[in-house]
Amino acid sequence: MNDGPSPARLRASNADRERVVEALRAAVADGRLDLAEFEERVEAVYRARTLGELPGALADLLPPDRQPLQLDERPLMALFTTLRRAGRWVVRPTEPAAAVGGTLDLDMREALLVRGHVRMPVLCVFGRVLITVPEGVEVRMRGRSVLGRRTTAVRPPRRDGAPVLEITGFSLLGTVRVRPPRRPRGRLSWRRRRAALE
């Protein structure tokens, strides 16, 4: 089971508040909010102390999967389907994950880690678990795999005291892959590749 406090009870940061205010600005721009409503909701956002107080400002404007803050407490489980978790979501110290006949895609680039060491027991049976981590995270791949693959392409961090993601668990005919963010391809590298072909 997950441990640690409920995501809704965590303290909100200025960056979290600004995410919500930016979504409110977009609602004003496309006519879903008038200026009076905007000002009222912005005041409530800046008064908010916890993450759980923030989604209410956008409840009637955006569906849950498009909210700038994801406070979903459902388990990370893909059973014969595809489940994606991305954006600003809370990762607790122990965060179990499972994919059985499906794909679980976890993007942790903007995630809020409750602690600096996250243990993620992963069960993968006839499925795939794809985890994207930001630069500077130490990935420790543990656990067992039978007729499957457990790989990481993340380079070790260059500094001490980096956040740790420890992958444990079991895979049967499944793939667990941890990867860094894709680097944008610059114009210069494109020109070099083109020159090499000519």
N, C-alpha and C. Protein backbone atom coordinates (compact mmCIF):
# COMPACT_ATOMS: atom_id res chain seq x y z
N MET A 1 0.83 -1.20 0.00
CA MET A 1 0.00 0.00 0.00
C MET A 1 0.87 1.25 0.00
N ASN A 2 0.27 2.36 -0.46
CA ASN A 2 0.98 3.64 -0.42
C ASN A 2 1.14 4.08 1.02
N ASP A 3 2.24 4.78 1.30
CA ASP A 3 2.39 5.38 2.61
C ASP A 3 2.61 6.86 2.45
N GLY A 4 2.74 7.55 3.58
CA GLY A 4 2.89 8.99 3.51
C GLY A 4 1.54 9.68 3.53
N PRO A 5 1.56 11.00 3.62
CA PRO A 5 0.30 11.76 3.69
C PRO A 5 -0.48 11.71 2.39
N SER A 6 -1.77 11.98 2.50
CA SER A 6 -2.59 12.09 1.30
C SER A 6 -2.09 13.26 0.47
N PRO A 7 -2.04 13.12 -0.87
CA PRO A 7 -1.59 14.24 -1.72
C PRO A 7 -2.35 15.53 -1.45
N ALA A 8 -3.63 15.43 -1.16
CA ALA A 8 -4.44 16.64 -0.94
C ALA A 8 -4.01 17.40 0.31
N ARG A 9 -3.34 16.74 1.25
CA ARG A 9 -2.96 17.40 2.50
C ARG A 9 -1.58 18.03 2.44
N LEU A 10 -0.86 17.83 1.36
CA LEU A 10 0.48 18.41 1.24
C LEU A 10 0.40 19.92 1.05
N ARG A 11 1.40 20.61 1.53
CA ARG A 11 1.45 22.06 1.37
C ARG A 11 1.66 22.44 -0.09
N ALA A 12 0.92 23.46 -0.52
CA ALA A 12 1.05 23.96 -1.89
C ALA A 12 2.22 24.93 -1.99
N SER A 13 2.93 24.87 -3.09
CA SER A 13 4.03 25.81 -3.33
C SER A 13 3.53 26.96 -4.21
N ASN A 14 4.32 28.01 -4.31
CA ASN A 14 3.97 29.12 -5.21
C ASN A 14 3.86 28.63 -6.65
N ALA A 15 4.75 27.70 -7.03
CA ALA A 15 4.69 27.17 -8.40
C ALA A 15 3.39 26.42 -8.65
N ASP A 16 2.90 25.68 -7.64
CA ASP A 16 1.62 24.97 -7.79
C ASP A 16 0.47 25.96 -7.96
N ARG A 17 0.50 27.03 -7.18
CA ARG A 17 -0.56 28.05 -7.31
C ARG A 17 -0.52 28.70 -8.69
N GLU A 18 0.68 28.98 -9.18
CA GLU A 18 0.80 29.63 -10.49
C GLU A 18 0.29 28.74 -11.61
N ARG A 19 0.43 27.43 -11.48
CA ARG A 19 -0.12 26.52 -12.49
C ARG A 19 -1.63 26.70 -12.61
N VAL A 20 -2.29 26.81 -11.46
CA VAL A 20 -3.74 26.96 -11.45
C VAL A 20 -4.14 28.33 -11.99
N VAL A 21 -3.42 29.37 -11.59
CA VAL A 21 -3.73 30.72 -12.07
C VAL A 21 -3.56 30.80 -13.58
N GLU A 22 -2.55 30.13 -14.11
CA GLU A 22 -2.34 30.15 -15.56
C GLU A 22 -3.52 29.50 -16.29
N ALA A 23 -4.06 28.43 -15.73
CA ALA A 23 -5.24 27.79 -16.33
C ALA A 23 -6.46 28.71 -16.23
N LEU A 24 -6.56 29.48 -15.15
CA LEU A 24 -7.66 30.44 -15.03
C LEU A 24 -7.52 31.56 -16.06
N ARG A 25 -6.29 32.00 -16.31
CA ARG A 25 -6.07 33.02 -17.35
C ARG A 25 -6.53 32.52 -18.72
N ALA A 26 -6.23 31.25 -18.99
CA ALA A 26 -6.66 30.67 -20.27
C ALA A 26 -8.18 30.63 -20.37
N ALA A 27 -8.85 30.38 -19.25
CA ALA A 27 -10.32 30.36 -19.24
C ALA A 27 -10.90 31.74 -19.49
N VAL A 28 -10.24 32.79 -19.01
CA VAL A 28 -10.67 34.16 -19.30
C VAL A 28 -10.46 34.47 -20.78
N ALA A 29 -9.33 34.06 -21.31
CA ALA A 29 -9.00 34.36 -22.70
C ALA A 29 -10.00 33.74 -23.68
N ASP A 30 -10.52 32.55 -23.36
CA ASP A 30 -11.47 31.93 -24.29
C ASP A 30 -12.93 32.12 -23.87
N GLY A 31 -13.18 33.02 -22.90
CA GLY A 31 -14.54 33.42 -22.57
C GLY A 31 -15.29 32.54 -21.60
N ARG A 32 -14.63 31.59 -20.95
CA ARG A 32 -15.33 30.74 -19.99
C ARG A 32 -15.46 31.39 -18.61
N LEU A 33 -14.63 32.39 -18.34
CA LEU A 33 -14.70 33.14 -17.09
C LEU A 33 -14.72 34.63 -17.39
N ASP A 34 -15.50 35.41 -16.63
CA ASP A 34 -15.39 36.86 -16.76
C ASP A 34 -14.36 37.36 -15.75
N LEU A 35 -14.02 38.62 -15.83
CA LEU A 35 -12.96 39.16 -14.98
C LEU A 35 -13.30 39.10 -13.50
N ALA A 36 -14.56 39.31 -13.15
CA ALA A 36 -14.96 39.27 -11.74
C ALA A 36 -14.76 37.87 -11.17
N GLU A 37 -15.19 36.86 -11.94
CA GLU A 37 -15.00 35.47 -11.48
C GLU A 37 -13.52 35.13 -11.40
N PHE A 38 -12.76 35.61 -12.38
CA PHE A 38 -11.32 35.35 -12.40
C PHE A 38 -10.66 35.89 -11.13
N GLU A 39 -10.95 37.14 -10.80
CA GLU A 39 -10.34 37.76 -9.63
C GLU A 39 -10.73 37.03 -8.34
N GLU A 40 -11.97 36.61 -8.26
CA GLU A 40 -12.44 35.89 -7.07
C GLU A 40 -11.71 34.56 -6.91
N ARG A 41 -11.55 33.84 -8.01
CA ARG A 41 -10.90 32.54 -7.94
C ARG A 41 -9.40 32.67 -7.70
N VAL A 42 -8.79 33.68 -8.29
CA VAL A 42 -7.35 33.89 -8.08
C VAL A 42 -7.07 34.19 -6.61
N GLU A 43 -7.92 34.99 -5.99
CA GLU A 43 -7.75 35.29 -4.56
C GLU A 43 -7.81 34.00 -3.74
N ALA A 44 -8.75 33.12 -4.08
CA ALA A 44 -8.89 31.86 -3.34
C ALA A 44 -7.66 30.98 -3.57
N VAL A 45 -7.12 30.99 -4.78
CA VAL A 45 -5.93 30.18 -5.08
C VAL A 45 -4.74 30.66 -4.27
N TYR A 46 -4.54 31.97 -4.20
CA TYR A 46 -3.38 32.50 -3.46
C TYR A 46 -3.54 32.33 -1.95
N ARG A 47 -4.78 32.15 -1.47
CA ARG A 47 -5.00 31.88 -0.05
C ARG A 47 -4.82 30.40 0.29
N ALA A 48 -4.84 29.54 -0.72
CA ALA A 48 -4.79 28.09 -0.49
C ALA A 48 -3.48 27.69 0.18
N ARG A 49 -3.59 26.82 1.16
CA ARG A 49 -2.40 26.33 1.86
C ARG A 49 -2.01 24.93 1.42
N THR A 50 -2.99 24.10 1.03
CA THR A 50 -2.70 22.72 0.66
C THR A 50 -3.04 22.48 -0.81
N LEU A 51 -2.48 21.40 -1.36
CA LEU A 51 -2.77 21.05 -2.74
C LEU A 51 -4.25 20.74 -2.93
N GLY A 52 -4.88 20.18 -1.92
CA GLY A 52 -6.29 19.82 -2.04
C GLY A 52 -7.22 21.00 -2.20
N GLU A 53 -6.78 22.19 -1.82
CA GLU A 53 -7.61 23.39 -1.96
C GLU A 53 -7.56 23.99 -3.36
N LEU A 54 -6.61 23.56 -4.18
CA LEU A 54 -6.41 24.20 -5.48
C LEU A 54 -7.33 23.71 -6.61
N PRO A 55 -7.59 22.41 -6.76
CA PRO A 55 -8.40 21.97 -7.91
C PRO A 55 -9.81 22.54 -7.95
N GLY A 56 -10.36 22.94 -6.80
CA GLY A 56 -11.72 23.48 -6.79
C GLY A 56 -11.87 24.70 -7.67
N ALA A 57 -10.81 25.47 -7.85
CA ALA A 57 -10.88 26.67 -8.69
C ALA A 57 -11.09 26.33 -10.15
N LEU A 58 -10.79 25.09 -10.53
CA LEU A 58 -10.89 24.69 -11.94
C LEU A 58 -11.88 23.55 -12.17
N ALA A 59 -12.60 23.15 -11.12
CA ALA A 59 -13.44 21.96 -11.21
C ALA A 59 -14.46 22.03 -12.33
N ASP A 60 -15.03 23.22 -12.59
CA ASP A 60 -16.04 23.36 -13.64
C ASP A 60 -15.45 23.83 -14.96
N LEU A 61 -14.13 23.90 -15.04
CA LEU A 61 -13.47 24.40 -16.26
C LEU A 61 -12.67 23.34 -17.01
N LEU A 62 -12.10 22.38 -16.26
CA LEU A 62 -11.26 21.37 -16.89
C LEU A 62 -11.63 19.99 -16.37
N PRO A 63 -11.62 18.97 -17.24
CA PRO A 63 -11.85 17.60 -16.75
C PRO A 63 -10.67 17.16 -15.88
N PRO A 64 -10.86 16.13 -15.05
CA PRO A 64 -9.80 15.70 -14.13
C PRO A 64 -8.46 15.40 -14.80
N ASP A 65 -8.49 14.80 -16.00
CA ASP A 65 -7.22 14.42 -16.63
C ASP A 65 -6.47 15.61 -17.22
N ARG A 66 -7.09 16.79 -17.25
CA ARG A 66 -6.41 17.98 -17.78
C ARG A 66 -6.11 19.02 -16.71
N GLN A 67 -6.36 18.67 -15.46
CA GLN A 67 -6.07 19.58 -14.36
C GLN A 67 -4.55 19.78 -14.24
N PRO A 68 -4.09 20.97 -13.92
CA PRO A 68 -2.65 21.20 -13.78
C PRO A 68 -2.04 20.48 -12.58
N LEU A 69 -2.87 20.06 -11.63
CA LEU A 69 -2.42 19.27 -10.49
C LEU A 69 -3.21 17.98 -10.46
N GLN A 70 -2.53 16.84 -10.44
CA GLN A 70 -3.18 15.55 -10.41
C GLN A 70 -3.11 14.99 -9.00
N LEU A 71 -4.23 14.94 -8.32
CA LEU A 71 -4.27 14.43 -6.95
C LEU A 71 -4.97 13.08 -6.88
N ASP A 72 -4.92 12.35 -7.97
CA ASP A 72 -5.56 11.04 -8.07
C ASP A 72 -4.88 10.06 -7.13
N GLU A 73 -5.63 9.45 -6.23
CA GLU A 73 -5.06 8.50 -5.28
C GLU A 73 -5.32 7.06 -5.69
N ARG A 74 -5.86 6.83 -6.87
CA ARG A 74 -6.06 5.46 -7.33
C ARG A 74 -4.72 4.80 -7.57
N PRO A 75 -4.65 3.47 -7.42
CA PRO A 75 -3.37 2.79 -7.62
C PRO A 75 -2.89 2.90 -9.07
N LEU A 76 -1.56 2.84 -9.22
CA LEU A 76 -0.95 2.86 -10.56
C LEU A 76 -1.04 1.45 -11.13
N MET A 77 -2.16 1.17 -11.79
CA MET A 77 -2.43 -0.19 -12.23
C MET A 77 -3.07 -0.18 -13.62
N ALA A 78 -2.43 -0.86 -14.56
CA ALA A 78 -2.96 -0.98 -15.92
C ALA A 78 -3.31 -2.45 -16.16
N LEU A 79 -4.60 -2.76 -16.09
CA LEU A 79 -5.07 -4.13 -16.31
C LEU A 79 -5.71 -4.21 -17.68
N PHE A 80 -4.97 -4.77 -18.64
CA PHE A 80 -5.44 -4.93 -20.02
C PHE A 80 -5.89 -3.59 -20.62
N THR A 81 -5.19 -2.55 -20.26
CA THR A 81 -5.47 -1.22 -20.80
C THR A 81 -4.19 -0.40 -20.74
N THR A 82 -4.28 0.87 -21.12
CA THR A 82 -3.14 1.79 -21.01
C THR A 82 -3.48 2.88 -20.02
N LEU A 83 -2.59 3.08 -19.06
CA LEU A 83 -2.77 4.13 -18.06
C LEU A 83 -1.55 5.02 -18.10
N ARG A 84 -1.78 6.34 -18.19
CA ARG A 84 -0.68 7.30 -18.21
C ARG A 84 -0.85 8.27 -17.05
N ARG A 85 0.22 8.52 -16.33
CA ARG A 85 0.23 9.53 -15.27
C ARG A 85 1.35 10.51 -15.60
N ALA A 86 0.99 11.78 -15.72
CA ALA A 86 1.97 12.79 -16.12
C ALA A 86 1.59 14.12 -15.50
N GLY A 87 2.43 15.12 -15.72
CA GLY A 87 2.19 16.44 -15.17
C GLY A 87 2.63 16.52 -13.72
N ARG A 88 1.94 17.35 -12.95
CA ARG A 88 2.28 17.56 -11.54
C ARG A 88 1.46 16.58 -10.71
N TRP A 89 2.03 15.44 -10.37
CA TRP A 89 1.35 14.45 -9.53
C TRP A 89 2.26 14.07 -8.38
N VAL A 90 1.66 13.54 -7.32
CA VAL A 90 2.39 13.26 -6.09
C VAL A 90 2.87 11.82 -6.07
N VAL A 91 4.19 11.64 -5.83
CA VAL A 91 4.78 10.31 -5.71
C VAL A 91 5.15 10.11 -4.25
N ARG A 92 4.53 9.13 -3.61
CA ARG A 92 4.78 8.90 -2.20
C ARG A 92 6.00 8.00 -1.99
N PRO A 93 6.49 7.88 -0.76
CA PRO A 93 7.72 7.12 -0.51
C PRO A 93 7.68 5.68 -1.01
N THR A 94 6.51 5.04 -0.90
CA THR A 94 6.32 3.71 -1.50
C THR A 94 5.15 3.82 -2.45
N GLU A 95 5.41 3.55 -3.73
CA GLU A 95 4.39 3.76 -4.77
C GLU A 95 4.32 2.52 -5.64
N PRO A 96 3.48 1.52 -5.26
CA PRO A 96 3.38 0.30 -6.06
C PRO A 96 2.81 0.58 -7.45
N ALA A 97 3.26 -0.22 -8.40
CA ALA A 97 2.79 -0.08 -9.78
C ALA A 97 2.63 -1.47 -10.39
N ALA A 98 1.66 -1.62 -11.30
CA ALA A 98 1.43 -2.92 -11.92
C ALA A 98 0.90 -2.75 -13.32
N ALA A 99 1.36 -3.63 -14.21
CA ALA A 99 0.82 -3.71 -15.57
C ALA A 99 0.61 -5.19 -15.89
N VAL A 100 -0.64 -5.57 -16.10
CA VAL A 100 -0.97 -6.94 -16.45
C VAL A 100 -1.70 -6.90 -17.78
N GLY A 101 -1.01 -7.32 -18.83
CA GLY A 101 -1.61 -7.28 -20.16
C GLY A 101 -1.86 -5.89 -20.67
N GLY A 102 -1.21 -4.90 -20.10
CA GLY A 102 -1.42 -3.51 -20.51
C GLY A 102 -0.14 -2.71 -20.43
N THR A 103 -0.28 -1.40 -20.57
CA THR A 103 0.88 -0.49 -20.53
C THR A 103 0.66 0.58 -19.48
N LEU A 104 1.64 0.73 -18.61
CA LEU A 104 1.63 1.78 -17.60
C LEU A 104 2.74 2.76 -17.94
N ASP A 105 2.38 3.99 -18.23
CA ASP A 105 3.33 5.02 -18.65
C ASP A 105 3.37 6.11 -17.58
N LEU A 106 4.50 6.19 -16.87
CA LEU A 106 4.64 7.15 -15.77
C LEU A 106 5.67 8.20 -16.15
N ASP A 107 5.25 9.45 -16.24
CA ASP A 107 6.14 10.56 -16.53
C ASP A 107 6.37 11.31 -15.22
N MET A 108 7.60 11.23 -14.70
CA MET A 108 7.90 11.81 -13.40
C MET A 108 8.66 13.13 -13.50
N ARG A 109 8.72 13.72 -14.69
CA ARG A 109 9.52 14.93 -14.87
C ARG A 109 9.02 16.09 -14.03
N GLU A 110 7.72 16.21 -13.83
CA GLU A 110 7.16 17.31 -13.03
C GLU A 110 6.54 16.83 -11.74
N ALA A 111 6.76 15.55 -11.42
CA ALA A 111 6.13 14.97 -10.24
C ALA A 111 6.71 15.55 -8.95
N LEU A 112 5.89 15.53 -7.92
CA LEU A 112 6.31 16.00 -6.59
C LEU A 112 6.62 14.77 -5.74
N LEU A 113 7.89 14.61 -5.38
CA LEU A 113 8.31 13.49 -4.55
C LEU A 113 8.18 13.88 -3.08
N VAL A 114 7.40 13.10 -2.33
CA VAL A 114 7.21 13.38 -0.92
C VAL A 114 8.52 13.23 -0.16
N ARG A 115 9.33 12.26 -0.57
CA ARG A 115 10.65 12.07 0.03
C ARG A 115 11.68 11.90 -1.07
N GLY A 116 12.94 12.04 -0.69
CA GLY A 116 14.02 11.94 -1.66
C GLY A 116 14.35 10.54 -2.10
N HIS A 117 13.79 9.53 -1.41
CA HIS A 117 14.00 8.13 -1.79
C HIS A 117 12.65 7.48 -2.00
N VAL A 118 12.36 7.11 -3.23
CA VAL A 118 11.07 6.50 -3.58
C VAL A 118 11.32 5.03 -3.92
N ARG A 119 10.57 4.17 -3.28
CA ARG A 119 10.64 2.74 -3.59
C ARG A 119 9.38 2.37 -4.37
N MET A 120 9.57 1.81 -5.57
CA MET A 120 8.45 1.48 -6.43
C MET A 120 8.45 -0.02 -6.74
N PRO A 121 7.66 -0.81 -5.99
CA PRO A 121 7.52 -2.23 -6.33
C PRO A 121 6.68 -2.36 -7.60
N VAL A 122 7.26 -2.97 -8.63
CA VAL A 122 6.60 -3.06 -9.93
C VAL A 122 6.30 -4.51 -10.27
N LEU A 123 5.03 -4.81 -10.52
CA LEU A 123 4.62 -6.12 -11.03
C LEU A 123 4.26 -5.94 -12.49
N CYS A 124 4.93 -6.70 -13.34
CA CYS A 124 4.68 -6.58 -14.78
C CYS A 124 4.52 -7.98 -15.38
N VAL A 125 3.31 -8.31 -15.83
CA VAL A 125 3.02 -9.62 -16.40
C VAL A 125 2.38 -9.41 -17.77
N PHE A 126 3.05 -9.86 -18.81
CA PHE A 126 2.57 -9.69 -20.18
C PHE A 126 2.23 -8.22 -20.47
N GLY A 127 3.03 -7.31 -19.96
CA GLY A 127 2.75 -5.90 -20.16
C GLY A 127 4.02 -5.07 -20.23
N ARG A 128 3.83 -3.75 -20.14
CA ARG A 128 4.96 -2.82 -20.19
C ARG A 128 4.78 -1.75 -19.12
N VAL A 129 5.89 -1.41 -18.47
CA VAL A 129 5.92 -0.27 -17.56
C VAL A 129 7.03 0.65 -18.03
N LEU A 130 6.65 1.86 -18.43
CA LEU A 130 7.60 2.84 -18.94
C LEU A 130 7.64 4.00 -17.95
N ILE A 131 8.84 4.32 -17.47
CA ILE A 131 8.99 5.38 -16.47
C ILE A 131 9.99 6.40 -16.99
N THR A 132 9.56 7.65 -17.10
CA THR A 132 10.44 8.73 -17.53
C THR A 132 10.80 9.56 -16.30
N VAL A 133 12.10 9.71 -16.05
CA VAL A 133 12.55 10.47 -14.89
C VAL A 133 13.36 11.68 -15.36
N PRO A 134 13.35 12.76 -14.59
CA PRO A 134 14.13 13.94 -14.97
C PRO A 134 15.62 13.71 -14.78
N GLU A 135 16.41 14.61 -15.33
CA GLU A 135 17.85 14.56 -15.12
C GLU A 135 18.16 14.69 -13.64
N GLY A 136 19.22 14.01 -13.19
CA GLY A 136 19.66 14.16 -11.81
C GLY A 136 19.04 13.21 -10.82
N VAL A 137 18.29 12.21 -11.30
CA VAL A 137 17.69 11.20 -10.42
C VAL A 137 18.52 9.93 -10.49
N GLU A 138 18.83 9.35 -9.33
CA GLU A 138 19.55 8.08 -9.30
C GLU A 138 18.53 6.95 -9.38
N VAL A 139 18.71 6.06 -10.36
CA VAL A 139 17.80 4.93 -10.55
C VAL A 139 18.50 3.66 -10.12
N ARG A 140 17.87 2.93 -9.21
CA ARG A 140 18.38 1.64 -8.77
C ARG A 140 17.41 0.56 -9.21
N MET A 141 17.85 -0.26 -10.15
CA MET A 141 16.99 -1.30 -10.71
C MET A 141 17.26 -2.62 -10.00
N ARG A 142 16.26 -3.12 -9.28
CA ARG A 142 16.38 -4.37 -8.55
C ARG A 142 15.22 -5.27 -8.96
N GLY A 143 15.02 -6.36 -8.26
CA GLY A 143 13.91 -7.25 -8.56
C GLY A 143 14.31 -8.37 -9.49
N ARG A 144 13.32 -9.16 -9.89
CA ARG A 144 13.56 -10.33 -10.74
C ARG A 144 12.74 -10.24 -12.01
N SER A 145 13.27 -10.90 -13.05
CA SER A 145 12.57 -10.93 -14.34
C SER A 145 12.68 -12.32 -14.93
N VAL A 146 11.57 -12.88 -15.38
CA VAL A 146 11.54 -14.19 -16.04
C VAL A 146 11.01 -13.98 -17.45
N LEU A 147 11.86 -14.25 -18.43
CA LEU A 147 11.50 -14.09 -19.84
C LEU A 147 10.99 -12.67 -20.12
N GLY A 148 11.61 -11.72 -19.49
CA GLY A 148 11.24 -10.32 -19.70
C GLY A 148 12.47 -9.44 -19.58
N ARG A 149 12.28 -8.14 -19.55
CA ARG A 149 13.40 -7.20 -19.48
C ARG A 149 13.13 -6.12 -18.46
N ARG A 150 14.18 -5.76 -17.73
CA ARG A 150 14.14 -4.64 -16.79
C ARG A 150 15.39 -3.82 -17.09
N THR A 151 15.22 -2.65 -17.67
CA THR A 151 16.37 -1.86 -18.12
C THR A 151 16.23 -0.40 -17.70
N THR A 152 17.37 0.26 -17.64
CA THR A 152 17.39 1.70 -17.42
C THR A 152 18.43 2.33 -18.33
N ALA A 153 18.08 3.46 -18.93
CA ALA A 153 19.00 4.21 -19.77
C ALA A 153 19.39 5.53 -19.11
N VAL A 154 19.12 5.63 -17.81
CA VAL A 154 19.37 6.87 -17.07
C VAL A 154 20.81 6.87 -16.56
N ARG A 155 21.53 7.94 -16.85
CA ARG A 155 22.91 8.06 -16.37
C ARG A 155 22.93 8.41 -14.89
N PRO A 156 23.95 7.91 -14.17
CA PRO A 156 24.06 8.26 -12.75
C PRO A 156 24.22 9.77 -12.58
N PRO A 157 23.62 10.32 -11.53
CA PRO A 157 23.75 11.77 -11.30
C PRO A 157 25.18 12.14 -10.96
N ARG A 158 25.54 13.39 -11.23
CA ARG A 158 26.89 13.85 -10.98
C ARG A 158 27.09 14.41 -9.59
N ARG A 159 26.03 14.53 -8.82
CA ARG A 159 26.15 15.11 -7.48
C ARG A 159 25.65 14.14 -6.43
N ASP A 160 26.17 14.29 -5.23
CA ASP A 160 25.71 13.49 -4.10
C ASP A 160 24.37 14.02 -3.60
N GLY A 161 23.63 13.15 -2.95
CA GLY A 161 22.36 13.56 -2.37
C GLY A 161 21.24 13.70 -3.38
N ALA A 162 21.38 13.10 -4.56
CA ALA A 162 20.33 13.18 -5.59
C ALA A 162 19.12 12.33 -5.17
N PRO A 163 17.92 12.68 -5.66
CA PRO A 163 16.76 11.83 -5.38
C PRO A 163 16.99 10.42 -5.92
N VAL A 164 16.42 9.44 -5.24
CA VAL A 164 16.61 8.03 -5.61
C VAL A 164 15.27 7.41 -5.97
N LEU A 165 15.23 6.73 -7.10
CA LEU A 165 14.07 5.91 -7.48
C LEU A 165 14.53 4.47 -7.50
N GLU A 166 14.01 3.67 -6.58
CA GLU A 166 14.40 2.27 -6.47
C GLU A 166 13.27 1.40 -7.00
N ILE A 167 13.56 0.69 -8.09
CA ILE A 167 12.57 -0.18 -8.73
C ILE A 167 12.79 -1.60 -8.23
N THR A 168 11.77 -2.19 -7.62
CA THR A 168 11.85 -3.57 -7.18
C THR A 168 10.69 -4.33 -7.83
N GLY A 169 10.46 -5.57 -7.40
CA GLY A 169 9.30 -6.30 -7.90
C GLY A 169 9.67 -7.44 -8.82
N PHE A 170 8.70 -7.84 -9.66
CA PHE A 170 8.83 -9.06 -10.47
C PHE A 170 8.21 -8.82 -11.84
N SER A 171 8.88 -9.37 -12.87
CA SER A 171 8.37 -9.28 -14.25
C SER A 171 8.31 -10.67 -14.86
N LEU A 172 7.20 -10.97 -15.51
CA LEU A 172 7.04 -12.21 -16.25
C LEU A 172 6.58 -11.88 -17.65
N LEU A 173 7.43 -12.16 -18.64
CA LEU A 173 7.10 -11.85 -20.03
C LEU A 173 6.65 -10.39 -20.17
N GLY A 174 7.34 -9.52 -19.45
CA GLY A 174 7.00 -8.11 -19.49
C GLY A 174 8.25 -7.25 -19.53
N THR A 175 8.06 -5.98 -19.78
CA THR A 175 9.17 -5.03 -19.89
C THR A 175 8.99 -3.90 -18.89
N VAL A 176 10.04 -3.64 -18.13
CA VAL A 176 10.08 -2.48 -17.25
C VAL A 176 11.26 -1.64 -17.72
N ARG A 177 10.98 -0.42 -18.16
CA ARG A 177 12.04 0.42 -18.70
C ARG A 177 11.99 1.81 -18.07
N VAL A 178 13.14 2.25 -17.58
CA VAL A 178 13.27 3.60 -17.03
C VAL A 178 14.14 4.39 -17.99
N ARG A 179 13.68 5.57 -18.36
CA ARG A 179 14.39 6.34 -19.38
C ARG A 179 14.45 7.81 -19.01
N PRO A 180 15.46 8.50 -19.52
CA PRO A 180 15.54 9.96 -19.31
C PRO A 180 14.62 10.66 -20.30
N PRO A 181 14.37 11.95 -20.11
CA PRO A 181 13.56 12.69 -21.10
C PRO A 181 14.27 12.72 -22.44
N ARG A 182 13.49 12.77 -23.48
CA ARG A 182 14.08 12.89 -24.82
C ARG A 182 14.68 14.27 -24.98
N ARG A 183 15.87 14.30 -25.51
CA ARG A 183 16.52 15.58 -25.76
C ARG A 183 16.00 16.17 -27.07
N PRO A 184 15.62 17.45 -27.08
CA PRO A 184 15.18 18.05 -28.33
C PRO A 184 16.33 18.09 -29.32
N ARG A 185 16.04 17.75 -30.53
CA ARG A 185 17.07 17.76 -31.56
C ARG A 185 17.20 19.16 -32.13
N GLY A 186 18.37 19.71 -32.01
CA GLY A 186 18.61 21.07 -32.47
C GLY A 186 18.80 21.15 -33.97
N ARG A 187 18.72 22.37 -34.47
CA ARG A 187 18.89 22.61 -35.89
C ARG A 187 20.30 22.22 -36.35
N LEU A 188 21.30 22.50 -35.50
CA LEU A 188 22.68 22.21 -35.87
C LEU A 188 22.89 20.73 -36.10
N SER A 189 22.36 19.89 -35.18
CA SER A 189 22.55 18.45 -35.35
C SER A 189 21.83 17.96 -36.60
N TRP A 190 20.65 18.55 -36.91
CA TRP A 190 19.93 18.18 -38.12
C TRP A 190 20.77 18.51 -39.35
N ARG A 191 21.41 19.67 -39.36
CA ARG A 191 22.26 20.05 -40.50
C ARG A 191 23.44 19.09 -40.64
N ARG A 192 24.02 18.69 -39.51
CA ARG A 192 25.13 17.76 -39.59
C ARG A 192 24.71 16.44 -40.16
N ARG A 193 23.52 15.94 -39.73
CA ARG A 193 23.05 14.68 -40.28
C ARG A 193 22.79 14.79 -41.77
N ARG A 194 22.24 15.93 -42.19
CA ARG A 194 21.95 16.12 -43.60
C ARG A 194 23.23 16.17 -44.41
N ALA A 195 24.25 16.88 -43.86
CA ALA A 195 25.54 16.96 -44.56
C ALA A 195 26.18 15.61 -44.71
N ALA A 196 26.00 14.75 -43.71
CA ALA A 196 26.60 13.42 -43.76
C ALA A 196 25.96 12.55 -44.83
N LEU A 197 24.70 12.85 -45.16
CA LEU A 197 24.01 12.06 -46.18
C LEU A 197 24.32 12.53 -47.58
N GLU A 198 24.81 13.77 -47.75
CA GLU A 198 25.05 14.32 -49.08
C GLU A 198 26.40 13.90 -49.62
